[in-house]
Amino acid sequence: MNISLPQSLKDFVDRQVASRACRTSSEYVRALIRRDRDRQHLRGLLLDGAASPPAGEADTSWFAELRERAPTR
């Protein structure tokens, strides 16, 4: 895949590569794509949760049960 950018965006990408842990512009673009994919996935989960019926009240006992089920370090 080849991506054409105007010079102003190419300069921006080059500055981002120089100031971040990315070694190449391809790494930078891959990181942006992964971040967008993750953001879309999270958005989908949030929308699914918002559309689902209430599961119950998150009271003190609910949190206590959650702590019991959580693995310890």
Protein backbone atom coordinates (compact mmCIF):
# COMPACT_ATOMS: atom_id res chain seq x y z
CA MET A 1 0.00 0.00 0.00
CA ASN A 2 1.27 3.43 -0.86
CA ILE A 3 -0.09 6.60 0.68
CA SER A 4 0.37 9.99 -0.92
CA LEU A 5 0.49 12.96 1.40
CA PRO A 6 0.80 16.67 0.73
CA GLN A 7 4.12 18.09 1.85
CA SER A 8 2.64 19.68 4.98
CA LEU A 9 1.38 16.29 6.24
CA LYS A 10 4.61 14.55 5.24
CA ASP A 11 6.54 17.12 7.28
CA PHE A 12 4.19 16.53 10.22
CA VAL A 13 4.70 12.75 10.05
CA ASP A 14 8.47 13.21 9.81
CA ARG A 15 8.42 15.41 12.93
CA GLN A 16 6.30 12.84 14.77
CA VAL A 17 8.67 10.03 13.82
CA ALA A 18 11.66 12.06 14.99
CA SER A 19 10.05 12.88 18.35
CA ARG A 20 8.54 9.46 19.14
CA ALA A 21 9.71 5.89 19.50
CA CYS A 22 8.85 5.11 15.87
CA ARG A 23 11.77 4.43 13.58
CA THR A 24 9.90 4.97 10.31
CA SER A 25 6.84 6.69 8.97
CA SER A 26 5.36 3.23 8.30
CA GLU A 27 5.64 2.36 12.00
CA TYR A 28 3.96 5.64 12.88
CA VAL A 29 1.06 5.00 10.47
CA ARG A 30 0.67 1.40 11.72
CA ALA A 31 0.49 2.70 15.30
CA LEU A 32 -2.20 5.21 14.30
CA ILE A 33 -4.21 2.50 12.55
CA ARG A 34 -3.96 0.17 15.57
CA ARG A 35 -5.03 2.98 17.89
CA ASP A 36 -8.04 3.75 15.68
CA ARG A 37 -8.97 0.03 15.50
CA ASP A 38 -8.77 -0.22 19.30
CA ARG A 39 -10.82 2.96 19.70
CA GLN A 40 -13.53 1.63 17.39
CA HIS A 41 -13.58 -1.69 19.26
CA LEU A 42 -13.93 0.09 22.61
CA ARG A 43 -16.68 2.32 21.20
CA GLY A 44 -18.55 -0.78 20.05
CA LEU A 45 -18.25 -2.36 23.50
CA LEU A 46 -19.51 0.82 25.14
CA LEU A 47 -22.46 1.07 22.76
CA ASP A 48 -23.31 -2.60 23.32
CA GLY A 49 -23.19 -2.03 27.07
CA ALA A 50 -25.34 1.07 26.84
CA ALA A 51 -27.93 -0.81 24.78
CA SER A 52 -28.05 -3.81 27.13
CA PRO A 53 -30.53 -4.08 29.98
CA PRO A 54 -29.32 -3.15 33.46
CA ALA A 55 -27.52 -6.03 35.14
CA GLY A 56 -28.33 -4.90 38.65
CA GLU A 57 -27.18 -2.38 41.18
CA ALA A 58 -23.45 -1.99 41.72
CA ASP A 59 -23.59 -1.72 45.49
CA THR A 60 -21.10 -2.64 48.20
CA SER A 61 -21.88 -6.35 48.01
CA TRP A 62 -21.45 -6.36 44.23
CA PHE A 63 -17.95 -4.88 44.57
CA ALA A 64 -17.09 -7.33 47.38
CA GLU A 65 -18.07 -10.26 45.15
CA LEU A 66 -16.03 -8.80 42.31
CA ARG A 67 -12.98 -8.53 44.57
CA GLU A 68 -13.37 -12.18 45.60
CA ARG A 69 -13.43 -13.31 41.97
CA ALA A 70 -10.50 -11.14 40.89
CA PRO A 71 -7.12 -12.91 40.73
CA THR A 72 -4.56 -11.80 43.28
CA ARG A 73 -1.04 -10.84 42.35
